[in-house]
Amino acid sequence: MVSTLKIAIRFTVITTILLGLIYPLAMTGLAHVLWRDKANGQLITKDGHVVGSAIIGQNFAGDGYFHGRPSAAGNGYDAANSSGSNLALSNKKLVDRINGDVATWQKSNPGQPVPVDLVTMSGSGLDPDITPAAALYQVHRVAAARHMSDDAVRQLVMTHIQGRQFGILGEPRVNVLQLNLALDEGAAK
């Protein structure tokens, strides 16, 4: 019995060291060597300063910027508190919030149906992308706020549409941060 207990304790210690320390450190090191950008969160820098991540959404305020999906993660897009709202479709709080968001969005485009991703949260609350329809829905508001033509802003959106991964996975999407950075870059010229 004592020898079996010693073997079990040794096995636990060895596997803890191998699988709890050595393996994760090796995989982290390998990821940093092979996929440095991805291992570091795909950070986007501008003028030497980190302005965001290509894989974590962030909140944009003001009519001159495209807005992403609503976020229930902490105070919005908080990677430490990633989660959805967990409210059922029948929950009055969820229905009231969505109806309020639809009414707010329809002020900028009266009579136009609001794309669903502008009023619903992603499962993680961190989604950095919106559908092309959601981006195109915002064109007039952004163009008016930036004193640009709708066509110029629409063309910018069209150049930022990313297709399906490998041509079959997922849906076409627009990264909100990258689109807004391109808007700022165009305004600086």
C-alpha atoms as a PDB file:
ATOM      1  CA  MET A   1       0.000   0.000   0.000  1.00  0.00           C
ATOM      2  CA  VAL A   2       2.798   2.467   0.928  1.00  0.00           C
ATOM      3  CA  SER A   3       4.713   1.713  -2.284  1.00  0.00           C
ATOM      4  CA  THR A   4       1.579   2.307  -4.371  1.00  0.00           C
ATOM      5  CA  LEU A   5       1.045   5.634  -2.619  1.00  0.00           C
ATOM      6  CA  LYS A   6       4.666   6.652  -3.299  1.00  0.00           C
ATOM      7  CA  ILE A   7       4.263   5.788  -6.992  1.00  0.00           C
ATOM      8  CA  ALA A   8       1.031   7.796  -7.182  1.00  0.00           C
ATOM      9  CA  ILE A   9       2.646  10.836  -5.525  1.00  0.00           C
ATOM     10  CA  ARG A  10       5.715  10.644  -7.818  1.00  0.00           C
ATOM     11  CA  PHE A  11       3.499  10.266 -10.873  1.00  0.00           C
ATOM     12  CA  THR A  12       1.414  13.285  -9.819  1.00  0.00           C
ATOM     13  CA  VAL A  13       4.493  15.443  -9.243  1.00  0.00           C
ATOM     14  CA  ILE A  14       6.121  14.388 -12.528  1.00  0.00           C
ATOM     15  CA  THR A  15       2.985  14.888 -14.630  1.00  0.00           C
ATOM     16  CA  THR A  16       2.321  18.228 -12.941  1.00  0.00           C
ATOM     17  CA  ILE A  17       5.823  19.426 -13.815  1.00  0.00           C
ATOM     18  CA  LEU A  18       5.656  18.035 -17.371  1.00  0.00           C
ATOM     19  CA  LEU A  19       2.101  19.001 -18.273  1.00  0.00           C
ATOM     20  CA  GLY A  20       1.635  21.988 -15.990  1.00  0.00           C
ATOM     21  CA  LEU A  21       4.959  23.757 -16.510  1.00  0.00           C
ATOM     22  CA  ILE A  22       7.230  22.371 -19.215  1.00  0.00           C
ATOM     23  CA  TYR A  23       4.599  21.720 -21.907  1.00  0.00           C
ATOM     24  CA  PRO A  24       2.831  25.124 -21.591  1.00  0.00           C
ATOM     25  CA  LEU A  25       6.176  26.973 -21.557  1.00  0.00           C
ATOM     26  CA  ALA A  26       7.362  25.035 -24.614  1.00  0.00           C
ATOM     27  CA  MET A  27       4.133  25.746 -26.521  1.00  0.00           C
ATOM     28  CA  THR A  28       4.244  29.438 -25.570  1.00  0.00           C
ATOM     29  CA  GLY A  29       7.867  29.672 -26.697  1.00  0.00           C
ATOM     30  CA  LEU A  30       7.119  27.862 -29.942  1.00  0.00           C
ATOM     31  CA  ALA A  31       4.139  30.142 -30.627  1.00  0.00           C
ATOM     32  CA  HIS A  32       6.316  33.220 -30.061  1.00  0.00           C
ATOM     33  CA  VAL A  33       8.900  31.903 -32.511  1.00  0.00           C
ATOM     34  CA  LEU A  34       6.535  30.688 -35.253  1.00  0.00           C
ATOM     35  CA  TRP A  35       3.555  33.058 -34.919  1.00  0.00           C
ATOM     36  CA  ARG A  36       4.842  36.106 -33.048  1.00  0.00           C
ATOM     37  CA  ASP A  37       1.964  38.392 -34.077  1.00  0.00           C
ATOM     38  CA  LYS A  38      -0.737  35.914 -33.107  1.00  0.00           C
ATOM     39  CA  ALA A  39       0.945  34.918 -29.846  1.00  0.00           C
ATOM     40  CA  ASN A  40       0.992  38.561 -28.763  1.00  0.00           C
ATOM     41  CA  GLY A  41      -2.695  39.220 -29.451  1.00  0.00           C
ATOM     42  CA  GLN A  42      -2.380  40.627 -32.986  1.00  0.00           C
ATOM     43  CA  LEU A  43      -1.787  44.124 -31.651  1.00  0.00           C
ATOM     44  CA  ILE A  44      -2.134  47.003 -34.086  1.00  0.00           C
ATOM     45  CA  THR A  45       0.254  49.921 -33.687  1.00  0.00           C
ATOM     46  CA  LYS A  46       0.091  53.399 -35.132  1.00  0.00           C
ATOM     47  CA  ASP A  47       2.957  55.877 -34.785  1.00  0.00           C
ATOM     48  CA  GLY A  48       4.674  53.516 -32.339  1.00  0.00           C
ATOM     49  CA  HIS A  49       1.655  53.239 -30.007  1.00  0.00           C
ATOM     50  CA  VAL A  50      -0.653  50.255 -29.599  1.00  0.00           C
ATOM     51  CA  VAL A  51      -4.147  51.328 -30.675  1.00  0.00           C
ATOM     52  CA  GLY A  52      -5.928  48.003 -30.330  1.00  0.00           C
ATOM     53  CA  SER A  53      -6.055  44.370 -31.327  1.00  0.00           C
ATOM     54  CA  ALA A  54      -7.265  42.853 -34.582  1.00  0.00           C
ATOM     55  CA  ILE A  55      -8.979  40.071 -32.622  1.00  0.00           C
ATOM     56  CA  ILE A  56     -10.629  41.967 -29.746  1.00  0.00           C
ATOM     57  CA  GLY A  57     -13.291  44.562 -30.429  1.00  0.00           C
ATOM     58  CA  GLN A  58     -13.337  47.967 -28.816  1.00  0.00           C
ATOM     59  CA  ASN A  59     -15.865  50.698 -28.306  1.00  0.00           C
ATOM     60  CA  PHE A  60     -15.977  53.600 -30.759  1.00  0.00           C
ATOM     61  CA  ALA A  61     -17.985  56.688 -29.916  1.00  0.00           C
ATOM     62  CA  GLY A  62     -19.008  59.488 -32.198  1.00  0.00           C
ATOM     63  CA  ASP A  63     -20.735  59.629 -35.534  1.00  0.00           C
ATOM     64  CA  GLY A  64     -17.438  59.814 -37.445  1.00  0.00           C
ATOM     65  CA  TYR A  65     -16.553  56.207 -36.640  1.00  0.00           C
ATOM     66  CA  PHE A  66     -18.024  52.852 -37.483  1.00  0.00           C
ATOM     67  CA  HIS A  67     -19.451  51.098 -34.439  1.00  0.00           C
ATOM     68  CA  GLY A  68     -19.100  47.406 -33.674  1.00  0.00           C
ATOM     69  CA  ARG A  69     -21.435  44.972 -32.016  1.00  0.00           C
ATOM     70  CA  PRO A  70     -22.672  45.686 -28.498  1.00  0.00           C
ATOM     71  CA  SER A  71     -20.587  43.990 -25.800  1.00  0.00           C
ATOM     72  CA  ALA A  72     -21.605  42.485 -22.467  1.00  0.00           C
ATOM     73  CA  ALA A  73     -17.981  41.789 -21.489  1.00  0.00           C
ATOM     74  CA  GLY A  74     -17.336  43.817 -18.346  1.00  0.00           C
ATOM     75  CA  ASN A  75     -17.600  47.501 -19.229  1.00  0.00           C
ATOM     76  CA  GLY A  76     -17.556  46.564 -22.894  1.00  0.00           C
ATOM     77  CA  TYR A  77     -14.898  44.609 -24.752  1.00  0.00           C
ATOM     78  CA  ASP A  78     -13.112  43.745 -21.503  1.00  0.00           C
ATOM     79  CA  ALA A  79     -11.066  40.642 -22.336  1.00  0.00           C
ATOM     80  CA  ALA A  80     -10.778  39.776 -18.630  1.00  0.00           C
ATOM     81  CA  ASN A  81     -14.583  39.500 -18.415  1.00  0.00           C
ATOM     82  CA  SER A  82     -15.419  37.829 -21.703  1.00  0.00           C
ATOM     83  CA  SER A  83     -18.998  36.628 -21.835  1.00  0.00           C
ATOM     84  CA  GLY A  84     -22.376  37.161 -23.340  1.00  0.00           C
ATOM     85  CA  SER A  85     -25.299  38.563 -21.402  1.00  0.00           C
ATOM     86  CA  ASN A  86     -26.869  35.095 -20.902  1.00  0.00           C
ATOM     87  CA  LEU A  87     -30.328  36.615 -21.202  1.00  0.00           C
ATOM     88  CA  ALA A  88     -32.986  34.410 -22.814  1.00  0.00           C
ATOM     89  CA  LEU A  89     -34.760  35.598 -25.952  1.00  0.00           C
ATOM     90  CA  SER A  90     -37.906  35.926 -23.849  1.00  0.00           C
ATOM     91  CA  ASN A  91     -36.216  38.147 -21.235  1.00  0.00           C
ATOM     92  CA  LYS A  92     -37.900  41.570 -21.110  1.00  0.00           C
ATOM     93  CA  LYS A  93     -34.601  43.316 -20.318  1.00  0.00           C
ATOM     94  CA  LEU A  94     -33.032  41.894 -23.503  1.00  0.00           C
ATOM     95  CA  VAL A  95     -36.075  42.688 -25.649  1.00  0.00           C
ATOM     96  CA  ASP A  96     -36.217  46.271 -24.304  1.00  0.00           C
ATOM     97  CA  ARG A  97     -32.479  46.797 -24.911  1.00  0.00           C
ATOM     98  CA  ILE A  98     -32.694  45.484 -28.479  1.00  0.00           C
ATOM     99  CA  ASN A  99     -35.794  47.564 -29.229  1.00  0.00           C
ATOM    100  CA  GLY A 100     -34.038  50.645 -27.850  1.00  0.00           C
ATOM    101  CA  ASP A 101     -30.940  49.929 -29.925  1.00  0.00           C
ATOM    102  CA  VAL A 102     -33.035  49.438 -33.065  1.00  0.00           C
ATOM    103  CA  ALA A 103     -34.785  52.776 -32.458  1.00  0.00           C
ATOM    104  CA  THR A 104     -31.422  54.509 -31.955  1.00  0.00           C
ATOM    105  CA  TRP A 105     -29.957  53.026 -35.149  1.00  0.00           C
ATOM    106  CA  GLN A 106     -33.061  53.872 -37.177  1.00  0.00           C
ATOM    107  CA  LYS A 107     -32.582  57.566 -36.406  1.00  0.00           C
ATOM    108  CA  SER A 108     -29.612  57.595 -38.791  1.00  0.00           C
ATOM    109  CA  ASN A 109     -31.357  55.488 -41.465  1.00  0.00           C
ATOM    110  CA  PRO A 110     -35.141  55.876 -41.114  1.00  0.00           C
ATOM    111  CA  GLY A 111     -37.137  53.073 -42.672  1.00  0.00           C
ATOM    112  CA  GLN A 112     -34.104  50.862 -43.242  1.00  0.00           C
ATOM    113  CA  PRO A 113     -33.971  47.483 -41.477  1.00  0.00           C
ATOM    114  CA  VAL A 114     -31.166  47.423 -38.909  1.00  0.00           C
ATOM    115  CA  PRO A 115     -28.645  44.587 -39.423  1.00  0.00           C
ATOM    116  CA  VAL A 116     -28.991  42.133 -36.558  1.00  0.00           C
ATOM    117  CA  ASP A 117     -25.330  42.252 -35.522  1.00  0.00           C
ATOM    118  CA  LEU A 118     -25.625  45.950 -34.635  1.00  0.00           C
ATOM    119  CA  VAL A 119     -28.153  45.168 -31.900  1.00  0.00           C
ATOM    120  CA  THR A 120     -27.121  41.706 -30.692  1.00  0.00           C
ATOM    121  CA  MET A 121     -24.052  40.734 -28.685  1.00  0.00           C
ATOM    122  CA  SER A 122     -21.613  38.024 -29.658  1.00  0.00           C
ATOM    123  CA  GLY A 123     -21.128  35.035 -27.376  1.00  0.00           C
ATOM    124  CA  SER A 124     -17.799  36.349 -26.107  1.00  0.00           C
ATOM    125  CA  GLY A 125     -18.645  40.051 -26.102  1.00  0.00           C
ATOM    126  CA  LEU A 126     -15.292  40.664 -27.821  1.00  0.00           C
ATOM    127  CA  ASP A 127     -16.165  40.346 -31.513  1.00  0.00           C
ATOM    128  CA  PRO A 128     -13.974  42.773 -33.521  1.00  0.00           C
ATOM    129  CA  ASP A 129     -15.917  42.287 -36.760  1.00  0.00           C
ATOM    130  CA  ILE A 130     -19.282  43.238 -38.166  1.00  0.00           C
ATOM    131  CA  THR A 131     -21.046  42.038 -41.291  1.00  0.00           C
ATOM    132  CA  PRO A 132     -20.631  44.002 -44.514  1.00  0.00           C
ATOM    133  CA  ALA A 133     -24.340  44.875 -44.232  1.00  0.00           C
ATOM    134  CA  ALA A 134     -23.740  46.419 -40.781  1.00  0.00           C
ATOM    135  CA  ALA A 135     -20.816  48.458 -42.094  1.00  0.00           C
ATOM    136  CA  LEU A 136     -22.740  49.628 -45.167  1.00  0.00           C
ATOM    137  CA  TYR A 137     -25.692  50.581 -42.935  1.00  0.00           C
ATOM    138  CA  GLN A 138     -23.433  53.100 -41.165  1.00  0.00           C
ATOM    139  CA  VAL A 139     -21.942  54.668 -44.310  1.00  0.00           C
ATOM    140  CA  HIS A 140     -24.238  57.707 -44.485  1.00  0.00           C
ATOM    141  CA  ARG A 141     -23.788  58.638 -40.819  1.00  0.00           C
ATOM    142  CA  VAL A 142     -19.993  58.336 -40.987  1.00  0.00           C
ATOM    143  CA  ALA A 143     -19.784  60.182 -44.301  1.00  0.00           C
ATOM    144  CA  ALA A 144     -21.927  63.058 -43.019  1.00  0.00           C
ATOM    145  CA  ALA A 145     -19.890  63.390 -39.812  1.00  0.00           C
ATOM    146  CA  ARG A 146     -16.604  63.417 -41.747  1.00  0.00           C
ATOM    147  CA  HIS A 147     -17.866  65.651 -44.566  1.00  0.00           C
ATOM    148  CA  MET A 148     -17.137  62.948 -47.115  1.00  0.00           C
ATOM    149  CA  SER A 149     -19.279  61.533 -49.889  1.00  0.00           C
ATOM    150  CA  ASP A 150     -21.263  58.383 -49.199  1.00  0.00           C
ATOM    151  CA  ASP A 151     -19.585  56.789 -52.230  1.00  0.00           C
ATOM    152  CA  ALA A 152     -16.072  57.417 -50.862  1.00  0.00           C
ATOM    153  CA  VAL A 153     -16.921  55.859 -47.503  1.00  0.00           C
ATOM    154  CA  ARG A 154     -18.808  52.991 -49.154  1.00  0.00           C
ATOM    155  CA  GLN A 155     -15.757  52.279 -51.327  1.00  0.00           C
ATOM    156  CA  LEU A 156     -13.551  52.210 -48.217  1.00  0.00           C
ATOM    157  CA  VAL A 157     -15.909  49.682 -46.627  1.00  0.00           C
ATOM    158  CA  MET A 158     -15.844  47.538 -49.771  1.00  0.00           C
ATOM    159  CA  THR A 159     -12.032  47.402 -49.708  1.00  0.00           C
ATOM    160  CA  HIS A 160     -12.097  46.222 -46.071  1.00  0.00           C
ATOM    161  CA  ILE A 161     -14.477  43.293 -46.522  1.00  0.00           C
ATOM    162  CA  GLN A 162     -12.667  40.073 -45.659  1.00  0.00           C
ATOM    163  CA  GLY A 163     -13.978  36.911 -47.289  1.00  0.00           C
ATOM    164  CA  ARG A 164     -14.569  33.539 -45.738  1.00  0.00           C
ATOM    165  CA  GLN A 165     -11.507  31.837 -44.295  1.00  0.00           C
ATOM    166  CA  PHE A 166     -10.163  29.338 -46.854  1.00  0.00           C
ATOM    167  CA  GLY A 167     -13.176  30.311 -48.987  1.00  0.00           C
ATOM    168  CA  ILE A 168     -15.599  28.174 -46.940  1.00  0.00           C
ATOM    169  CA  LEU A 169     -15.352  28.942 -43.204  1.00  0.00           C
ATOM    170  CA  GLY A 170     -17.344  31.700 -41.540  1.00  0.00           C
ATOM    171  CA  GLU A 171     -19.005  34.647 -43.189  1.00  0.00           C
ATOM    172  CA  PRO A 172     -17.668  37.770 -44.908  1.00  0.00           C
ATOM    173  CA  ARG A 173     -16.765  40.394 -42.303  1.00  0.00           C
ATOM    174  CA  VAL A 174     -15.311  43.846 -41.721  1.00  0.00           C
ATOM    175  CA  ASN A 175     -12.828  44.532 -38.912  1.00  0.00           C
ATOM    176  CA  VAL A 176     -14.117  47.718 -37.255  1.00  0.00           C
ATOM    177  CA  LEU A 177     -10.763  48.886 -35.865  1.00  0.00           C
ATOM    178  CA  GLN A 178      -8.961  48.492 -39.179  1.00  0.00           C
ATOM    179  CA  LEU A 179     -11.785  50.278 -41.023  1.00  0.00           C
ATOM    180  CA  ASN A 180     -11.728  53.185 -38.555  1.00  0.00           C
ATOM    181  CA  LEU A 181      -7.930  53.443 -38.782  1.00  0.00           C
ATOM    182  CA  ALA A 182      -8.234  53.613 -42.582  1.00  0.00           C
ATOM    183  CA  LEU A 183     -10.821  56.395 -42.163  1.00  0.00           C
ATOM    184  CA  ASP A 184      -8.457  58.347 -39.905  1.00  0.00           C
ATOM    185  CA  GLU A 185      -5.574  57.780 -42.299  1.00  0.00           C
ATOM    186  CA  GLY A 186      -7.671  59.069 -45.218  1.00  0.00           C
ATOM    187  CA  ALA A 187      -8.707  62.130 -43.199  1.00  0.00           C
ATOM    188  CA  ALA A 188      -5.073  62.891 -42.376  1.00  0.00           C
ATOM    189  CA  LYS A 189      -4.171  63.095 -46.070  1.00  0.00           C
END
